[in-house]
N, C-alpha and C. Protein backbone atom coordinates (compact mmCIF):
# COMPACT_ATOMS: atom_id res chain seq x y z
N MET A 1 11.57 28.65 -14.86
CA MET A 1 11.41 27.22 -15.01
C MET A 1 12.35 26.52 -14.03
N ARG A 2 11.87 25.45 -13.42
CA ARG A 2 12.63 24.69 -12.45
C ARG A 2 13.74 23.91 -13.14
N ASN A 3 14.89 23.84 -12.51
CA ASN A 3 16.02 23.08 -13.05
C ASN A 3 15.73 21.58 -12.93
N MET A 4 15.75 20.86 -14.04
CA MET A 4 15.44 19.43 -14.06
C MET A 4 16.67 18.63 -14.47
N LEU A 5 16.74 17.40 -14.01
CA LEU A 5 17.77 16.49 -14.47
C LEU A 5 17.45 16.10 -15.91
N VAL A 6 18.45 16.07 -16.76
CA VAL A 6 18.25 15.77 -18.17
C VAL A 6 17.66 14.37 -18.33
N GLY A 7 16.55 14.29 -19.04
CA GLY A 7 15.96 13.02 -19.40
C GLY A 7 15.06 12.39 -18.34
N THR A 8 15.05 12.91 -17.10
CA THR A 8 14.25 12.26 -16.06
C THR A 8 13.01 13.04 -15.68
N GLY A 9 13.04 14.35 -15.89
CA GLY A 9 11.90 15.16 -15.47
C GLY A 9 11.86 15.36 -13.96
N GLU A 10 12.88 14.89 -13.25
CA GLU A 10 12.94 15.01 -11.81
C GLU A 10 13.85 16.16 -11.41
N PRO A 11 13.55 16.84 -10.32
CA PRO A 11 14.43 17.90 -9.85
C PRO A 11 15.74 17.30 -9.34
N PRO A 12 16.84 18.02 -9.44
CA PRO A 12 18.08 17.50 -8.89
C PRO A 12 17.98 17.34 -7.37
N ALA A 13 18.83 16.49 -6.81
CA ALA A 13 18.76 16.17 -5.39
C ALA A 13 18.85 17.42 -4.51
N ALA A 14 19.59 18.43 -4.97
CA ALA A 14 19.75 19.64 -4.17
C ALA A 14 18.43 20.36 -3.97
N THR A 15 17.46 20.18 -4.87
CA THR A 15 16.18 20.88 -4.73
C THR A 15 15.13 20.04 -4.01
N VAL A 16 15.47 18.80 -3.67
CA VAL A 16 14.52 17.96 -2.94
C VAL A 16 14.48 18.48 -1.51
N PRO A 17 13.29 18.77 -0.98
CA PRO A 17 13.20 19.36 0.35
C PRO A 17 13.82 18.47 1.42
N ARG A 18 14.41 19.13 2.41
CA ARG A 18 15.01 18.40 3.53
C ARG A 18 13.98 17.52 4.23
N THR A 19 12.73 17.97 4.27
CA THR A 19 11.69 17.17 4.91
C THR A 19 11.49 15.84 4.20
N HIS A 20 11.78 15.80 2.91
CA HIS A 20 11.69 14.54 2.16
C HIS A 20 12.64 13.52 2.75
N TRP A 21 13.88 13.93 3.04
CA TRP A 21 14.86 13.00 3.59
C TRP A 21 14.55 12.66 5.05
N VAL A 22 13.91 13.57 5.77
CA VAL A 22 13.46 13.25 7.13
C VAL A 22 12.39 12.16 7.06
N LEU A 23 11.48 12.26 6.09
CA LEU A 23 10.46 11.24 5.89
C LEU A 23 11.09 9.89 5.58
N VAL A 24 12.03 9.86 4.64
CA VAL A 24 12.70 8.60 4.28
C VAL A 24 13.41 8.02 5.49
N ALA A 25 14.13 8.86 6.23
CA ALA A 25 14.86 8.38 7.41
C ALA A 25 13.90 7.83 8.47
N THR A 26 12.77 8.49 8.67
CA THR A 26 11.78 8.01 9.64
C THR A 26 11.22 6.67 9.21
N GLU A 27 10.87 6.54 7.93
CA GLU A 27 10.35 5.27 7.42
C GLU A 27 11.37 4.14 7.58
N LEU A 28 12.62 4.44 7.28
CA LEU A 28 13.66 3.42 7.40
C LEU A 28 13.91 3.05 8.87
N LEU A 29 13.89 4.02 9.76
CA LEU A 29 14.09 3.75 11.18
C LEU A 29 12.96 2.88 11.73
N VAL A 30 11.72 3.20 11.36
CA VAL A 30 10.59 2.39 11.80
C VAL A 30 10.69 0.99 11.21
N ALA A 31 11.04 0.89 9.93
CA ALA A 31 11.17 -0.42 9.28
C ALA A 31 12.24 -1.27 9.97
N LEU A 32 13.39 -0.68 10.24
CA LEU A 32 14.46 -1.42 10.90
C LEU A 32 14.05 -1.84 12.31
N SER A 33 13.34 -0.97 13.02
CA SER A 33 12.85 -1.32 14.36
C SER A 33 11.87 -2.49 14.28
N ALA A 34 10.98 -2.45 13.30
CA ALA A 34 10.00 -3.53 13.13
C ALA A 34 10.68 -4.83 12.70
N ILE A 35 11.71 -4.74 11.88
CA ILE A 35 12.46 -5.94 11.48
C ILE A 35 13.13 -6.54 12.71
N TYR A 36 13.75 -5.70 13.51
CA TYR A 36 14.39 -6.17 14.74
C TYR A 36 13.36 -6.84 15.65
N GLY A 37 12.24 -6.16 15.87
CA GLY A 37 11.21 -6.70 16.75
C GLY A 37 10.56 -7.96 16.19
N GLY A 38 10.23 -7.93 14.92
CA GLY A 38 9.56 -9.08 14.30
C GLY A 38 10.44 -10.32 14.27
N THR A 39 11.69 -10.15 13.86
CA THR A 39 12.58 -11.32 13.84
C THR A 39 12.91 -11.77 15.25
N GLY A 40 13.01 -10.83 16.18
CA GLY A 40 13.25 -11.19 17.57
C GLY A 40 12.10 -11.99 18.18
N LEU A 41 10.89 -11.67 17.78
CA LEU A 41 9.72 -12.43 18.25
C LEU A 41 9.68 -13.81 17.61
N ILE A 42 9.93 -13.87 16.32
CA ILE A 42 9.87 -15.14 15.59
C ILE A 42 10.97 -16.09 16.05
N TRP A 43 12.15 -15.56 16.25
CA TRP A 43 13.31 -16.37 16.60
C TRP A 43 13.32 -16.65 18.11
N ASP A 44 12.38 -17.47 18.54
CA ASP A 44 12.28 -17.94 19.93
C ASP A 44 12.22 -16.78 20.92
N ASP A 45 11.58 -15.69 20.53
CA ASP A 45 11.39 -14.52 21.39
C ASP A 45 12.69 -14.08 22.08
N VAL A 46 13.74 -13.91 21.28
CA VAL A 46 15.02 -13.48 21.86
C VAL A 46 14.97 -12.06 22.42
N ILE A 47 13.94 -11.28 22.08
CA ILE A 47 13.84 -9.94 22.65
C ILE A 47 13.17 -9.95 24.02
N GLY A 48 12.67 -11.11 24.44
CA GLY A 48 12.20 -11.28 25.81
C GLY A 48 10.84 -10.71 26.15
N MET A 49 9.88 -10.80 25.25
CA MET A 49 8.53 -10.35 25.58
C MET A 49 7.90 -11.34 26.56
N PRO A 50 7.24 -10.85 27.59
CA PRO A 50 6.63 -11.77 28.57
C PRO A 50 5.49 -12.58 27.94
N ASP A 51 5.50 -13.88 28.16
CA ASP A 51 4.42 -14.73 27.64
C ASP A 51 3.08 -14.36 28.27
N SER A 52 3.10 -13.78 29.45
CA SER A 52 1.85 -13.38 30.10
C SER A 52 1.10 -12.33 29.29
N TRP A 53 1.82 -11.59 28.45
CA TRP A 53 1.16 -10.59 27.62
C TRP A 53 0.29 -11.21 26.53
N LEU A 54 0.48 -12.49 26.29
CA LEU A 54 -0.33 -13.18 25.28
C LEU A 54 -1.66 -13.68 25.84
N SER A 55 -1.81 -13.69 27.16
CA SER A 55 -3.08 -14.17 27.73
C SER A 55 -4.20 -13.23 27.29
N GLY A 56 -5.31 -13.82 26.90
CA GLY A 56 -6.43 -13.03 26.41
C GLY A 56 -6.33 -12.69 24.93
N THR A 57 -5.27 -13.16 24.27
CA THR A 57 -5.12 -12.94 22.83
C THR A 57 -5.29 -14.29 22.13
N PRO A 58 -5.47 -14.29 20.83
CA PRO A 58 -5.60 -15.57 20.12
C PRO A 58 -4.26 -16.28 19.91
N PHE A 59 -3.17 -15.75 20.45
CA PHE A 59 -1.84 -16.30 20.18
C PHE A 59 -1.32 -17.11 21.37
N THR A 60 -0.63 -18.21 21.07
CA THR A 60 -0.04 -19.04 22.12
C THR A 60 1.46 -18.82 22.23
N ASN A 61 2.06 -18.19 21.21
CA ASN A 61 3.48 -17.82 21.26
C ASN A 61 3.65 -16.55 20.42
N TRP A 62 4.89 -16.07 20.32
CA TRP A 62 5.15 -14.78 19.67
C TRP A 62 5.46 -14.90 18.17
N VAL A 63 5.38 -16.08 17.59
CA VAL A 63 5.74 -16.25 16.18
C VAL A 63 4.78 -15.49 15.25
N VAL A 64 3.49 -15.71 15.41
CA VAL A 64 2.53 -15.04 14.52
C VAL A 64 2.56 -13.52 14.72
N PRO A 65 2.59 -13.01 15.97
CA PRO A 65 2.75 -11.56 16.11
C PRO A 65 4.01 -11.03 15.44
N GLY A 66 5.11 -11.81 15.47
CA GLY A 66 6.33 -11.39 14.79
C GLY A 66 6.16 -11.31 13.29
N ILE A 67 5.50 -12.32 12.73
CA ILE A 67 5.24 -12.33 11.28
C ILE A 67 4.33 -11.15 10.91
N LEU A 68 3.33 -10.90 11.73
CA LEU A 68 2.43 -9.77 11.47
C LEU A 68 3.18 -8.43 11.56
N LEU A 69 4.06 -8.30 12.52
CA LEU A 69 4.84 -7.07 12.64
C LEU A 69 5.68 -6.83 11.39
N LEU A 70 6.28 -7.88 10.88
CA LEU A 70 7.08 -7.75 9.66
C LEU A 70 6.22 -7.38 8.46
N SER A 71 5.04 -8.01 8.35
CA SER A 71 4.22 -7.80 7.15
C SER A 71 3.36 -6.53 7.23
N VAL A 72 2.94 -6.14 8.41
CA VAL A 72 2.05 -4.97 8.54
C VAL A 72 2.82 -3.67 8.73
N VAL A 73 4.00 -3.74 9.36
CA VAL A 73 4.75 -2.51 9.64
C VAL A 73 6.05 -2.44 8.82
N ALA A 74 6.91 -3.44 8.94
CA ALA A 74 8.23 -3.35 8.31
C ALA A 74 8.16 -3.27 6.79
N LEU A 75 7.43 -4.19 6.18
CA LEU A 75 7.37 -4.22 4.72
C LEU A 75 6.76 -2.95 4.12
N PRO A 76 5.60 -2.48 4.62
CA PRO A 76 5.06 -1.24 4.05
C PRO A 76 6.00 -0.04 4.23
N MET A 77 6.69 0.04 5.36
CA MET A 77 7.62 1.16 5.58
C MET A 77 8.80 1.08 4.62
N LEU A 78 9.31 -0.13 4.37
CA LEU A 78 10.41 -0.28 3.42
C LEU A 78 9.98 0.09 2.01
N VAL A 79 8.79 -0.35 1.61
CA VAL A 79 8.28 -0.01 0.27
C VAL A 79 8.08 1.50 0.16
N ALA A 80 7.48 2.10 1.17
CA ALA A 80 7.25 3.55 1.15
C ALA A 80 8.56 4.31 1.06
N ALA A 81 9.56 3.90 1.84
CA ALA A 81 10.86 4.57 1.79
C ALA A 81 11.50 4.44 0.41
N GLY A 82 11.42 3.25 -0.16
CA GLY A 82 11.97 3.05 -1.49
C GLY A 82 11.29 3.92 -2.54
N LEU A 83 9.97 3.99 -2.46
CA LEU A 83 9.24 4.83 -3.41
C LEU A 83 9.55 6.32 -3.21
N GLU A 84 9.77 6.72 -1.96
CA GLU A 84 10.15 8.11 -1.69
C GLU A 84 11.54 8.42 -2.25
N VAL A 85 12.46 7.48 -2.11
CA VAL A 85 13.82 7.69 -2.60
C VAL A 85 13.82 7.92 -4.11
N VAL A 86 13.03 7.13 -4.84
CA VAL A 86 12.99 7.29 -6.31
C VAL A 86 11.98 8.34 -6.76
N ARG A 87 11.35 9.00 -5.78
CA ARG A 87 10.38 10.08 -6.04
C ARG A 87 9.21 9.60 -6.93
N SER A 88 8.73 8.41 -6.65
CA SER A 88 7.59 7.87 -7.38
C SER A 88 6.35 8.70 -7.09
N PRO A 89 5.48 8.87 -8.09
CA PRO A 89 4.23 9.59 -7.82
C PRO A 89 3.34 8.82 -6.83
N TRP A 90 3.62 7.53 -6.64
CA TRP A 90 2.85 6.71 -5.70
C TRP A 90 3.37 6.82 -4.28
N ALA A 91 4.53 7.42 -4.11
CA ALA A 91 5.18 7.48 -2.80
C ALA A 91 4.29 8.07 -1.70
N PRO A 92 3.63 9.21 -1.92
CA PRO A 92 2.83 9.76 -0.81
C PRO A 92 1.70 8.83 -0.38
N ILE A 93 1.10 8.14 -1.33
CA ILE A 93 0.00 7.22 -1.01
C ILE A 93 0.54 6.07 -0.16
N PHE A 94 1.68 5.51 -0.56
CA PHE A 94 2.27 4.41 0.20
C PHE A 94 2.76 4.87 1.56
N SER A 95 3.31 6.08 1.64
CA SER A 95 3.78 6.59 2.92
C SER A 95 2.62 6.82 3.88
N ILE A 96 1.55 7.39 3.38
CA ILE A 96 0.38 7.62 4.24
C ILE A 96 -0.21 6.28 4.69
N ALA A 97 -0.27 5.32 3.78
CA ALA A 97 -0.79 3.99 4.13
C ALA A 97 0.13 3.29 5.14
N ALA A 98 1.44 3.40 4.98
CA ALA A 98 2.39 2.77 5.91
C ALA A 98 2.28 3.42 7.29
N GLY A 99 2.18 4.74 7.32
CA GLY A 99 2.00 5.43 8.60
C GLY A 99 0.69 5.03 9.26
N GLY A 100 -0.36 4.93 8.45
CA GLY A 100 -1.66 4.50 8.97
C GLY A 100 -1.63 3.08 9.49
N ALA A 101 -0.88 2.21 8.80
CA ALA A 101 -0.75 0.82 9.25
C ALA A 101 -0.05 0.77 10.61
N LEU A 102 0.94 1.61 10.81
CA LEU A 102 1.64 1.64 12.09
C LEU A 102 0.72 2.16 13.20
N VAL A 103 -0.04 3.20 12.92
CA VAL A 103 -1.00 3.72 13.90
C VAL A 103 -2.03 2.64 14.24
N ALA A 104 -2.53 1.94 13.23
CA ALA A 104 -3.51 0.87 13.46
C ALA A 104 -2.87 -0.27 14.25
N TRP A 105 -1.61 -0.60 13.94
CA TRP A 105 -0.90 -1.66 14.66
C TRP A 105 -0.86 -1.35 16.16
N ILE A 106 -0.52 -0.12 16.49
CA ILE A 106 -0.44 0.27 17.90
C ILE A 106 -1.83 0.23 18.53
N GLY A 107 -2.83 0.70 17.81
CA GLY A 107 -4.21 0.66 18.34
C GLY A 107 -4.67 -0.75 18.61
N VAL A 108 -4.43 -1.65 17.67
CA VAL A 108 -4.82 -3.06 17.85
C VAL A 108 -4.04 -3.68 18.99
N GLN A 109 -2.76 -3.36 19.07
CA GLN A 109 -1.92 -3.86 20.16
C GLN A 109 -2.50 -3.47 21.52
N LEU A 110 -2.89 -2.22 21.66
CA LEU A 110 -3.45 -1.76 22.92
C LEU A 110 -4.80 -2.43 23.21
N LEU A 111 -5.62 -2.59 22.18
CA LEU A 111 -6.93 -3.21 22.37
C LEU A 111 -6.83 -4.70 22.69
N VAL A 112 -5.98 -5.42 21.96
CA VAL A 112 -5.91 -6.87 22.11
C VAL A 112 -5.12 -7.26 23.36
N MET A 113 -3.94 -6.70 23.52
CA MET A 113 -3.09 -7.12 24.64
C MET A 113 -3.43 -6.39 25.94
N GLN A 114 -3.99 -5.21 25.82
CA GLN A 114 -4.33 -4.37 26.98
C GLN A 114 -3.13 -4.21 27.91
N ARG A 115 -1.99 -4.00 27.29
CA ARG A 115 -0.74 -3.76 28.00
C ARG A 115 -0.11 -2.50 27.44
N TYR A 116 0.62 -1.79 28.30
CA TYR A 116 1.26 -0.55 27.87
C TYR A 116 2.77 -0.73 27.89
N ASN A 117 3.43 -0.23 26.84
CA ASN A 117 4.88 -0.20 26.75
C ASN A 117 5.27 1.20 26.30
N VAL A 118 6.38 1.68 26.79
CA VAL A 118 6.82 3.04 26.47
C VAL A 118 7.03 3.25 24.97
N LEU A 119 7.30 2.18 24.22
CA LEU A 119 7.50 2.32 22.78
C LEU A 119 6.20 2.58 22.02
N GLN A 120 5.07 2.24 22.63
CA GLN A 120 3.80 2.43 21.91
C GLN A 120 3.53 3.89 21.56
N PRO A 121 3.63 4.84 22.49
CA PRO A 121 3.41 6.23 22.06
C PRO A 121 4.50 6.74 21.12
N VAL A 122 5.71 6.22 21.28
CA VAL A 122 6.80 6.62 20.37
C VAL A 122 6.46 6.18 18.94
N MET A 123 6.06 4.93 18.78
CA MET A 123 5.74 4.41 17.45
C MET A 123 4.44 5.02 16.91
N LEU A 124 3.49 5.29 17.79
CA LEU A 124 2.27 5.99 17.37
C LEU A 124 2.65 7.35 16.79
N GLY A 125 3.52 8.06 17.49
CA GLY A 125 4.00 9.35 17.01
C GLY A 125 4.75 9.23 15.69
N ALA A 126 5.54 8.17 15.54
CA ALA A 126 6.27 7.96 14.29
C ALA A 126 5.30 7.71 13.13
N GLY A 127 4.26 6.93 13.37
CA GLY A 127 3.27 6.69 12.33
C GLY A 127 2.55 7.96 11.91
N LEU A 128 2.17 8.77 12.90
CA LEU A 128 1.52 10.05 12.59
C LEU A 128 2.49 10.99 11.87
N ALA A 129 3.76 10.98 12.28
CA ALA A 129 4.77 11.82 11.62
C ALA A 129 4.97 11.42 10.17
N VAL A 130 5.00 10.13 9.89
CA VAL A 130 5.15 9.66 8.51
C VAL A 130 3.98 10.15 7.66
N MET A 131 2.77 10.04 8.19
CA MET A 131 1.60 10.49 7.41
C MET A 131 1.66 12.00 7.18
N LEU A 132 1.99 12.76 8.21
CA LEU A 132 2.06 14.22 8.08
C LEU A 132 3.18 14.63 7.13
N LEU A 133 4.35 14.05 7.29
CA LEU A 133 5.47 14.39 6.40
C LEU A 133 5.17 14.05 4.95
N ALA A 134 4.47 12.94 4.72
CA ALA A 134 4.13 12.56 3.34
C ALA A 134 3.25 13.63 2.69
N VAL A 135 2.35 14.19 3.46
CA VAL A 135 1.48 15.25 2.94
C VAL A 135 2.29 16.54 2.73
N VAL A 136 3.10 16.90 3.71
CA VAL A 136 3.87 18.14 3.63
C VAL A 136 4.87 18.10 2.48
N VAL A 137 5.56 16.98 2.33
CA VAL A 137 6.60 16.87 1.30
C VAL A 137 6.00 17.01 -0.10
N ARG A 138 4.83 16.48 -0.32
CA ARG A 138 4.26 16.46 -1.67
C ARG A 138 3.07 17.41 -1.84
N ARG A 139 2.90 18.36 -0.94
CA ARG A 139 1.70 19.21 -0.97
C ARG A 139 1.56 20.05 -2.24
N HIS A 140 2.66 20.30 -2.92
CA HIS A 140 2.59 21.13 -4.13
C HIS A 140 2.56 20.30 -5.41
N GLU A 141 2.49 19.00 -5.27
CA GLU A 141 2.49 18.12 -6.44
C GLU A 141 1.08 17.62 -6.71
N PRO A 142 0.77 17.32 -7.97
CA PRO A 142 -0.56 16.80 -8.27
C PRO A 142 -0.78 15.43 -7.65
N ILE A 143 -2.01 15.15 -7.31
CA ILE A 143 -2.39 13.86 -6.75
C ILE A 143 -2.48 12.84 -7.88
N VAL A 144 -2.01 11.62 -7.64
CA VAL A 144 -2.11 10.55 -8.61
C VAL A 144 -3.58 10.17 -8.73
N VAL A 145 -4.09 10.17 -9.95
CA VAL A 145 -5.48 9.82 -10.20
C VAL A 145 -5.48 8.58 -11.08
N LEU A 146 -6.22 7.56 -10.64
CA LEU A 146 -6.34 6.35 -11.43
C LEU A 146 -7.40 6.57 -12.52
N THR A 147 -7.03 6.33 -13.76
CA THR A 147 -7.99 6.43 -14.87
C THR A 147 -7.84 5.21 -15.74
N ARG A 148 -8.91 4.87 -16.42
CA ARG A 148 -8.87 3.74 -17.36
C ARG A 148 -8.23 4.21 -18.65
N GLY A 149 -7.46 3.28 -19.26
CA GLY A 149 -6.84 3.60 -20.55
C GLY A 149 -7.91 3.77 -21.62
N ARG A 150 -7.57 4.54 -22.61
CA ARG A 150 -8.55 4.80 -23.66
C ARG A 150 -8.39 3.85 -24.79
């Protein structure tokens, strides 16, 4: 029988796989990067994105893209990391969704702006890594199934 923490039904921290903490660290790093980028765009574009990159997009300044970056990438990554830290049964679903949101963000960025930045493949890789790690970390655990109460 697996050693459990008294009263919680959770394994002690020593038995949590190292890959779990790599997943949490990756989610937090992506979230912090997105917070930096999003607030930098909103706050009078202090990160210095060229306005020419907005031509051909529906945006006239970087405020809305900054808000979208915070809501589509930063917030889901923070929620996923938090759920992973507390070992919620919902954590893998949120982690996969957050990784997928990051992959979609990069895809939309490439399609809409039609500009390339060296961070795009890095963040694409981070999104794919989050999704893969979420599956690997929880591969031996049952999948959360939604059922109606009786």
